Amino acid sequence: MGSIRWGLAFAVVLSTIAEMASTTSAGTDPNKTVVEEVTGWLRLYSDGTVQRLTPPGAEPFTAIVQPYAEPRNGVTVHDVTTASGVDVRLYLREPAAVPRRRRPLLVHFHGGGFCVSRPSWALYHNFYAPLVGKLDVPPPPPPLAPAPRLPAAIDAGHAALLWLRDVACNKGGNDGAHLDPAVERLRDDADFSRVFLIGDSSGGNLVHLVAARAAKDAAGAPPLHPVRLAGGVLLSPGFAREKKSRSELEKPPNLFLTEEMVDKLLLLAVPVGMNKDSPYTSPLLAAEAVAHLQMPPMLLMVAEQDLLHDPQVEYGEAMVHAGKVVETVVSRGAVAHIFYLNFFAVESDQLTAERTSELIGTIKAFINRH
């Protein structure tokens, strides 16, 4: 990623959850009609089938990166099918010549309004592979709405944590008995007491929602032990309300976020009968729902020109008001939603490169503190 040097020395696990196919064929049934469309990204048909699209200009970002066992810049990528209903993509740094202390894990939830994107996209690979070059990394692709809708993605995220628990307890192999060599490396090198959730856009919502699910289940004997959630990192989370915020009305759209995407994708993702004023997407209701839960500390990263800037800030303020530990950091200047994943901009634009480097430094400092 250009001249950026991440300078990170901890392990990251990009967790991947079993996903739906990226594109479901529209078929040839002349009776089916389009009942909802998100321009360039998705069509929902009258028979319930979904067609996922790639808008012009997004092709380099949606290109699929296959796993590879031969190191590239010190990193290997492994797709692992588990017995827990969770598929994981592991980004692993090559073992050091001299053994080091165990490193924390990052569990990543991808964005896409709960409805589109895949963790194998170049969009994510070109961000996390260099990051892991200084770390070690399991992306979950959550099941993509509108079929199934939330809370399916939350259940899948929790299943990823249960799989990590099994790995830590020397279980969780492909066949339930024998560990994949990549998973064995993860088990031997990872510090399972320092697991951090990280997610971009709607994946940031999942950081909050999966942490809340774990907190609810923690009554009595913690079911995740020895896995411990040490913190969460919400990158440009997809919080929004039915009443549009000032930032939604005034900030400029970009390829990765438009007002139409906010309105339609979130409506397709929440349970039938709900709208954006739900605990899955409303900043105030999300905070209210965890008021009596023991949540891990959170780092909230906001871009100044993000359409969802205002509800993101509102989420941070509401969480602090509810007594939660949330640090809000705003990337200033002409940077918008998920700017750090636009690898062309990171390569060519000095401001984007600087803000991306600052963002990574902030994440590193947060993890080092926890």
Protein backbone atom coordinates (compact mmCIF):
# COMPACT_ATOMS: atom_id res chain seq x y z
CA MET A 1 0.00 0.00 0.00
CA GLY A 2 2.43 2.57 -1.21
CA SER A 3 4.87 3.96 1.29
CA ILE A 4 2.72 3.26 4.35
CA ARG A 5 4.46 1.23 7.06
CA TRP A 6 2.04 -0.30 9.53
CA GLY A 7 4.62 -0.95 12.24
CA LEU A 8 2.33 -3.37 14.10
CA ALA A 9 3.68 -6.22 16.19
CA PHE A 10 0.59 -8.13 17.27
CA ALA A 11 -1.43 -10.94 15.71
CA VAL A 12 -4.68 -10.41 13.84
CA VAL A 13 -7.28 -13.02 13.00
CA LEU A 14 -9.68 -12.03 10.25
CA SER A 15 -12.63 -14.25 10.96
CA THR A 16 -14.87 -15.48 8.18
CA ILE A 17 -18.41 -16.75 8.57
CA ALA A 18 -20.17 -18.95 6.03
CA GLU A 19 -21.63 -16.70 3.36
CA MET A 20 -24.20 -16.77 0.61
CA ALA A 21 -23.02 -16.69 -2.98
CA SER A 22 -22.03 -13.24 -4.10
CA THR A 23 -24.50 -13.30 -6.99
CA THR A 24 -27.69 -15.32 -7.21
CA SER A 25 -28.85 -15.71 -10.79
CA ALA A 26 -32.02 -13.88 -11.70
CA GLY A 27 -33.06 -16.87 -13.77
CA THR A 28 -35.37 -16.86 -16.80
CA ASP A 29 -38.78 -16.96 -15.11
CA PRO A 30 -40.80 -14.34 -17.03
CA ASN A 31 -43.21 -13.99 -14.10
CA LYS A 32 -40.63 -12.76 -11.58
CA THR A 33 -40.28 -9.04 -11.18
CA VAL A 34 -37.86 -6.74 -9.40
CA VAL A 35 -39.40 -5.65 -6.09
CA GLU A 36 -36.38 -3.71 -4.80
CA GLU A 37 -33.14 -2.50 -6.33
CA VAL A 38 -30.06 -0.80 -4.92
CA THR A 39 -28.49 0.83 -7.94
CA GLY A 40 -25.43 -1.05 -9.09
CA TRP A 41 -25.31 -3.41 -6.14
CA LEU A 42 -28.42 -5.57 -5.63
CA ARG A 43 -31.78 -6.63 -7.05
CA LEU A 44 -34.43 -8.44 -5.03
CA TYR A 45 -37.02 -10.36 -7.06
CA SER A 46 -40.63 -11.25 -6.36
CA ASP A 47 -39.77 -14.92 -5.74
CA GLY A 48 -37.25 -13.97 -3.04
CA THR A 49 -34.10 -14.54 -5.11
CA VAL A 50 -31.33 -11.99 -4.89
CA GLN A 51 -28.98 -10.81 -7.60
CA ARG A 52 -25.80 -9.16 -6.36
CA LEU A 53 -24.08 -6.85 -8.82
CA THR A 54 -20.86 -4.93 -9.28
CA PRO A 55 -21.31 -1.27 -10.22
CA PRO A 56 -19.06 0.26 -12.88
CA GLY A 57 -15.76 1.30 -11.35
CA ALA A 58 -15.95 -1.17 -8.46
CA GLU A 59 -14.54 -4.17 -10.34
CA PRO A 60 -10.97 -3.89 -8.98
CA PHE A 61 -12.32 -3.73 -5.43
CA THR A 62 -14.66 -6.73 -5.79
CA ALA A 63 -12.10 -9.00 -7.46
CA ILE A 64 -11.80 -12.28 -5.54
CA VAL A 65 -8.42 -13.03 -3.98
CA GLN A 66 -7.81 -16.76 -3.70
CA PRO A 67 -6.07 -18.21 -0.63
CA TYR A 68 -2.36 -19.00 -0.93
CA ALA A 69 0.03 -21.10 1.12
CA GLU A 70 3.26 -19.69 -0.35
CA PRO A 71 4.14 -16.54 1.59
CA ARG A 72 3.68 -13.17 -0.09
CA ASN A 73 5.45 -10.42 1.81
CA GLY A 74 5.59 -12.76 4.80
CA VAL A 75 1.86 -13.57 4.84
CA THR A 76 -0.18 -16.66 3.91
CA VAL A 77 -3.96 -16.85 3.46
CA HIS A 78 -5.97 -19.95 4.37
CA ASP A 79 -9.67 -20.78 3.99
CA VAL A 80 -10.75 -23.26 6.66
CA THR A 81 -14.08 -25.09 6.87
CA THR A 82 -14.96 -25.90 10.45
CA ALA A 83 -17.40 -28.26 12.12
CA SER A 84 -19.10 -25.27 13.79
CA GLY A 85 -21.00 -23.94 10.81
CA VAL A 86 -18.36 -21.24 10.35
CA ASP A 87 -15.93 -20.87 7.47
CA VAL A 88 -12.86 -18.81 8.31
CA ARG A 89 -10.22 -17.08 6.26
CA LEU A 90 -6.98 -16.91 8.20
CA TYR A 91 -4.31 -14.36 7.42
CA LEU A 92 -1.15 -15.70 9.06
CA ARG A 93 2.24 -14.14 9.34
CA GLU A 94 5.13 -16.51 8.70
CA PRO A 95 6.59 -17.88 11.97
CA ALA A 96 9.48 -15.87 13.32
CA ALA A 97 12.87 -17.55 13.57
CA VAL A 98 12.90 -16.78 17.28
CA PRO A 99 9.69 -17.61 19.21
CA ARG A 100 7.85 -14.56 20.49
CA ARG A 101 5.13 -14.04 23.04
CA ARG A 102 1.57 -14.86 22.06
CA ARG A 103 -0.16 -12.14 20.09
CA PRO A 104 -3.71 -10.80 20.25
CA LEU A 105 -6.29 -11.69 17.61
CA LEU A 106 -8.46 -9.44 15.48
CA VAL A 107 -11.80 -10.88 14.36
CA HIS A 108 -13.09 -8.93 11.36
CA PHE A 109 -16.69 -8.41 10.22
CA HIS A 110 -17.03 -6.99 6.71
CA GLY A 111 -19.43 -4.25 5.71
CA GLY A 112 -21.87 -3.93 2.84
CA GLY A 113 -25.05 -2.91 4.63
CA PHE A 114 -25.44 -6.52 5.83
CA CYS A 115 -26.40 -7.37 2.22
CA VAL A 116 -23.34 -7.22 -0.06
CA SER A 117 -19.54 -7.74 -0.10
CA ARG A 118 -17.31 -10.70 0.65
CA PRO A 119 -14.19 -10.97 2.85
CA SER A 120 -12.26 -12.41 -0.12
CA TRP A 121 -12.66 -9.13 -2.05
CA ALA A 122 -9.48 -7.26 -2.95
CA LEU A 123 -11.04 -4.33 -1.04
CA TYR A 124 -10.29 -6.16 2.21
CA HIS A 125 -7.29 -8.22 1.17
CA ASN A 126 -5.28 -5.16 0.13
CA PHE A 127 -5.86 -3.62 3.55
CA TYR A 128 -5.43 -6.62 5.84
CA ALA A 129 -2.64 -8.56 4.11
CA PRO A 130 -0.11 -5.71 4.58
CA LEU A 131 -1.45 -5.22 8.09
CA VAL A 132 -0.85 -8.88 8.90
CA GLY A 133 2.65 -8.61 7.46
CA LYS A 134 3.45 -6.91 10.74
CA LEU A 135 0.93 -9.04 12.71
CA ASP A 136 -0.84 -12.39 12.26
CA VAL A 137 -4.71 -12.65 11.29
CA PRO A 138 -9.52 -15.13 11.13
CA PRO A 139 -12.77 -12.23 7.83
CA PRO A 140 -16.44 -13.75 9.13
CA PRO A 141 -18.48 -13.22 5.94
CA PRO A 142 -21.78 -12.93 7.76
CA PRO A 143 -24.76 -14.55 6.01
CA LEU A 144 -25.91 -11.86 3.61
CA ALA A 145 -29.37 -10.33 3.97
CA PRO A 146 -32.11 -10.07 2.79
CA ALA A 147 -32.15 -13.86 3.19
CA PRO A 148 -31.43 -14.48 5.99
CA ARG A 149 -32.05 -11.19 7.76
CA LEU A 150 -30.66 -10.09 11.10
CA PRO A 151 -30.00 -11.50 13.65
CA ALA A 152 -28.48 -14.26 11.46
CA ALA A 153 -25.23 -12.31 11.04
CA ILE A 154 -24.97 -11.85 14.81
CA ASP A 155 -25.45 -15.58 15.35
CA ALA A 156 -22.71 -16.27 12.80
CA GLY A 157 -20.35 -13.82 14.50
CA HIS A 158 -20.95 -15.50 17.83
CA ALA A 159 -20.34 -18.89 16.19
CA ALA A 160 -16.93 -17.60 15.07
CA LEU A 161 -16.07 -16.80 18.69
CA LEU A 162 -17.23 -20.26 19.80
CA TRP A 163 -14.95 -21.75 17.14
CA LEU A 164 -12.02 -19.75 18.53
CA ARG A 165 -12.91 -21.12 21.96
CA ASP A 166 -12.75 -24.66 20.59
CA VAL A 167 -9.41 -23.95 18.92
CA ALA A 168 -8.03 -22.57 22.17
CA CYS A 169 -9.20 -25.75 23.93
CA ASN A 170 -7.42 -27.88 21.30
CA LYS A 171 -10.63 -28.67 19.45
CA GLY A 172 -12.28 -27.11 16.41
CA GLY A 173 -10.51 -28.94 13.59
CA ASN A 174 -12.12 -29.49 10.20
CA ASP A 175 -13.37 -32.90 11.27
CA GLY A 176 -13.80 -32.02 14.93
CA ALA A 177 -10.67 -33.91 15.92
CA HIS A 178 -7.62 -32.93 13.85
CA LEU A 179 -6.58 -29.33 13.46
CA ASP A 180 -5.76 -27.86 10.09
CA PRO A 181 -2.04 -26.92 10.12
CA ALA A 182 -2.93 -23.23 9.76
CA VAL A 183 -5.38 -23.49 12.65
CA GLU A 184 -2.75 -25.27 14.73
CA ARG A 185 -0.39 -22.34 14.15
CA LEU A 186 -3.16 -20.01 15.25
CA ARG A 187 -3.74 -22.04 18.42
CA ASP A 188 -0.05 -22.07 19.30
CA ASP A 189 0.65 -18.39 18.64
CA ALA A 190 -2.54 -16.56 19.63
CA ASP A 191 -3.36 -14.92 22.93
CA PHE A 192 -7.01 -15.93 23.27
CA SER A 193 -7.42 -13.68 26.30
CA ARG A 194 -6.97 -10.67 24.00
CA VAL A 195 -9.47 -11.02 21.18
CA PHE A 196 -10.54 -7.80 19.50
CA LEU A 197 -13.54 -7.42 17.20
CA ILE A 198 -13.12 -5.07 14.25
CA GLY A 199 -15.60 -4.16 11.52
CA ASP A 200 -16.17 -1.59 8.82
CA SER A 201 -19.54 -0.01 7.93
CA SER A 202 -22.28 -2.52 8.87
CA GLY A 203 -19.46 -4.71 10.17
CA GLY A 204 -18.95 -1.99 12.78
CA ASN A 205 -22.55 -2.52 13.87
CA LEU A 206 -21.74 -6.24 14.17
CA VAL A 207 -18.81 -5.44 16.47
CA HIS A 208 -21.33 -3.85 18.84
CA LEU A 209 -24.01 -6.51 18.33
CA VAL A 210 -21.72 -9.56 18.65
CA ALA A 211 -20.07 -8.08 21.75
CA ALA A 212 -23.54 -7.53 23.22
CA ARG A 213 -24.50 -11.14 22.43
CA ALA A 214 -21.37 -12.37 24.19
CA ALA A 215 -22.08 -10.12 27.18
CA LYS A 216 -25.63 -11.47 27.48
CA ASP A 217 -24.33 -15.04 27.41
CA ALA A 218 -21.70 -14.28 30.03
CA ALA A 219 -24.13 -14.66 32.95
CA GLY A 220 -22.76 -17.45 35.07
CA ALA A 221 -19.78 -19.36 33.70
CA PRO A 222 -18.45 -17.48 30.64
CA PRO A 223 -19.21 -19.74 27.65
CA LEU A 224 -16.33 -18.26 25.65
CA HIS A 225 -13.62 -19.11 28.17
CA PRO A 226 -10.67 -19.03 27.58
CA VAL A 227 -11.56 -16.56 24.82
CA ARG A 228 -11.97 -13.03 26.21
CA LEU A 229 -13.18 -10.01 24.31
CA ALA A 230 -10.63 -7.33 25.12
CA GLY A 231 -12.10 -4.60 22.91
CA GLY A 232 -13.94 -3.60 19.77
CA VAL A 233 -12.99 -1.35 16.85
CA LEU A 234 -15.87 0.21 14.89
CA LEU A 235 -14.65 1.65 11.59
CA SER A 236 -17.22 3.97 9.97
CA PRO A 237 -20.12 1.94 11.43
CA GLY A 238 -23.46 1.85 9.63
CA PHE A 239 -25.67 3.50 12.26
CA ALA A 240 -28.66 5.45 10.95
CA ARG A 241 -32.17 6.53 11.97
CA GLU A 242 -35.40 6.95 10.04
CA LYS A 243 -35.09 10.71 10.45
CA LYS A 244 -32.11 11.61 8.31
CA SER A 245 -29.18 13.27 10.01
CA ARG A 246 -27.60 16.48 8.80
CA SER A 247 -24.56 14.60 7.53
CA GLU A 248 -26.75 12.31 5.40
CA LEU A 249 -28.33 15.34 3.78
CA GLU A 250 -25.17 17.41 3.33
CA LYS A 251 -22.15 15.10 2.94
CA PRO A 252 -21.25 13.92 -0.58
CA PRO A 253 -21.91 10.29 -1.59
CA ASN A 254 -19.20 8.04 -3.04
CA LEU A 255 -18.90 4.66 -4.73
CA PHE A 256 -19.15 2.80 -1.43
CA LEU A 257 -21.98 4.73 0.24
CA THR A 258 -24.95 6.62 -1.11
CA GLU A 259 -28.16 7.80 0.50
CA GLU A 260 -30.00 5.09 -1.44
CA MET A 261 -27.73 2.39 -0.01
CA VAL A 262 -28.34 3.61 3.54
CA ASP A 263 -32.10 3.64 3.02
CA LYS A 264 -32.54 0.36 1.15
CA LEU A 265 -29.81 -2.01 2.33
CA LEU A 266 -30.52 -1.47 6.02
CA LEU A 267 -34.25 -1.93 5.45
CA LEU A 268 -33.54 -5.24 3.66
CA ALA A 269 -31.28 -6.36 6.51
CA VAL A 270 -33.40 -5.77 9.62
CA PRO A 271 -36.20 -8.20 10.57
CA VAL A 272 -39.45 -7.84 8.65
CA GLY A 273 -41.59 -5.17 10.25
CA MET A 274 -38.62 -3.14 11.52
CA ASN A 275 -36.98 -0.08 10.04
CA LYS A 276 -33.80 1.88 10.79
CA ASP A 277 -35.21 2.79 14.21
CA SER A 278 -34.16 -0.61 15.51
CA PRO A 279 -31.46 -1.69 17.99
CA TYR A 280 -29.50 -3.08 15.03
CA THR A 281 -29.04 0.28 13.33
CA SER A 282 -30.26 3.17 15.51
CA PRO A 283 -27.35 4.68 17.47
CA LEU A 284 -29.51 5.54 20.47
CA LEU A 285 -31.39 2.22 20.59
CA ALA A 286 -28.17 0.25 20.13
CA ALA A 287 -26.68 1.98 23.16
CA GLU A 288 -29.89 1.65 25.16
CA ALA A 289 -30.00 -2.11 24.52
CA VAL A 290 -26.61 -2.64 26.21
CA ALA A 291 -27.11 -0.24 29.13
CA HIS A 292 -27.04 -3.06 31.69
CA LEU A 293 -24.42 -5.23 29.97
CA GLN A 294 -20.69 -5.42 30.65
CA MET A 295 -19.35 -4.31 27.27
CA PRO A 296 -15.66 -4.28 26.33
CA PRO A 297 -13.97 -0.94 25.62
CA MET A 298 -14.64 0.37 22.13
CA LEU A 299 -12.68 2.46 19.65
CA LEU A 300 -14.96 4.37 17.27
CA MET A 301 -13.34 5.69 14.09
CA VAL A 302 -15.31 8.35 12.18
CA ALA A 303 -14.46 10.07 8.88
CA GLU A 304 -15.27 13.78 8.70
CA GLN A 305 -16.96 13.53 5.27
CA ASP A 306 -18.85 10.28 5.93
CA LEU A 307 -22.56 10.41 5.16
CA LEU A 308 -23.10 8.65 8.48
CA HIS A 309 -20.76 10.92 10.46
CA ASP A 310 -23.52 12.33 12.70
CA PRO A 311 -25.20 9.05 13.76
CA GLN A 312 -21.74 7.54 14.35
CA VAL A 313 -20.83 10.36 16.72
CA GLU A 314 -24.28 10.07 18.28
CA TYR A 315 -23.61 6.36 18.98
CA GLY A 316 -20.36 7.18 20.76
CA GLU A 317 -22.01 9.85 22.89
CA ALA A 318 -24.94 7.58 23.76
CA MET A 319 -22.60 4.75 24.78
CA VAL A 320 -20.58 7.05 27.03
CA HIS A 321 -23.83 8.35 28.54
CA ALA A 322 -24.76 4.71 29.27
CA GLY A 323 -21.49 4.31 31.18
CA LYS A 324 -19.55 2.44 28.49
CA VAL A 325 -15.92 3.05 27.58
CA VAL A 326 -15.88 4.43 24.03
CA GLU A 327 -13.08 6.47 22.47
CA THR A 328 -14.21 8.43 19.40
CA VAL A 329 -11.54 9.52 16.92
CA VAL A 330 -12.42 11.60 13.85
CA SER A 331 -10.28 11.48 10.69
CA ARG A 332 -10.27 15.10 9.56
CA GLY A 333 -10.31 16.47 6.03
CA ALA A 334 -11.75 15.24 2.76
CA VAL A 335 -11.95 11.55 3.69
CA ALA A 336 -15.26 9.70 3.54
CA HIS A 337 -16.83 6.34 4.32
CA ILE A 338 -14.28 3.45 4.50
CA PHE A 339 -11.62 5.63 2.82
CA TYR A 340 -8.85 3.33 4.14
CA LEU A 341 -10.18 0.43 2.02
CA ASN A 342 -9.86 2.39 -1.23
CA PHE A 343 -6.38 1.16 -2.09
CA PHE A 344 -6.17 3.36 -5.20
CA ALA A 345 -6.72 6.46 -3.07
CA VAL A 346 -4.28 5.23 -0.43
CA GLU A 347 -1.65 4.82 -3.15
CA SER A 348 -2.25 8.10 -4.97
CA ASP A 349 -3.66 10.65 -2.51
CA GLN A 350 -1.40 11.99 0.21
CA LEU A 351 -4.22 12.93 2.60
CA THR A 352 -5.86 9.49 2.32
CA ALA A 353 -2.50 7.80 2.87
CA GLU A 354 -1.79 9.96 5.92
CA ARG A 355 -5.22 9.43 7.45
CA THR A 356 -5.00 5.68 6.82
CA SER A 357 -1.60 5.52 8.51
CA GLU A 358 -2.99 7.52 11.45
CA LEU A 359 -6.00 5.19 11.67
CA ILE A 360 -3.75 2.12 11.83
CA GLY A 361 -1.59 3.79 14.47
CA THR A 362 -4.69 4.56 16.54
CA ILE A 363 -5.87 0.94 16.30
CA LYS A 364 -2.43 -0.28 17.33
CA ALA A 365 -2.34 2.04 20.35
CA PHE A 366 -5.85 0.95 21.40
CA ILE A 367 -4.92 -2.72 21.26
CA ASN A 368 -1.66 -2.12 23.11
CA ARG A 369 -3.62 -0.43 25.92
CA HIS A 370 -5.99 -3.37 26.29
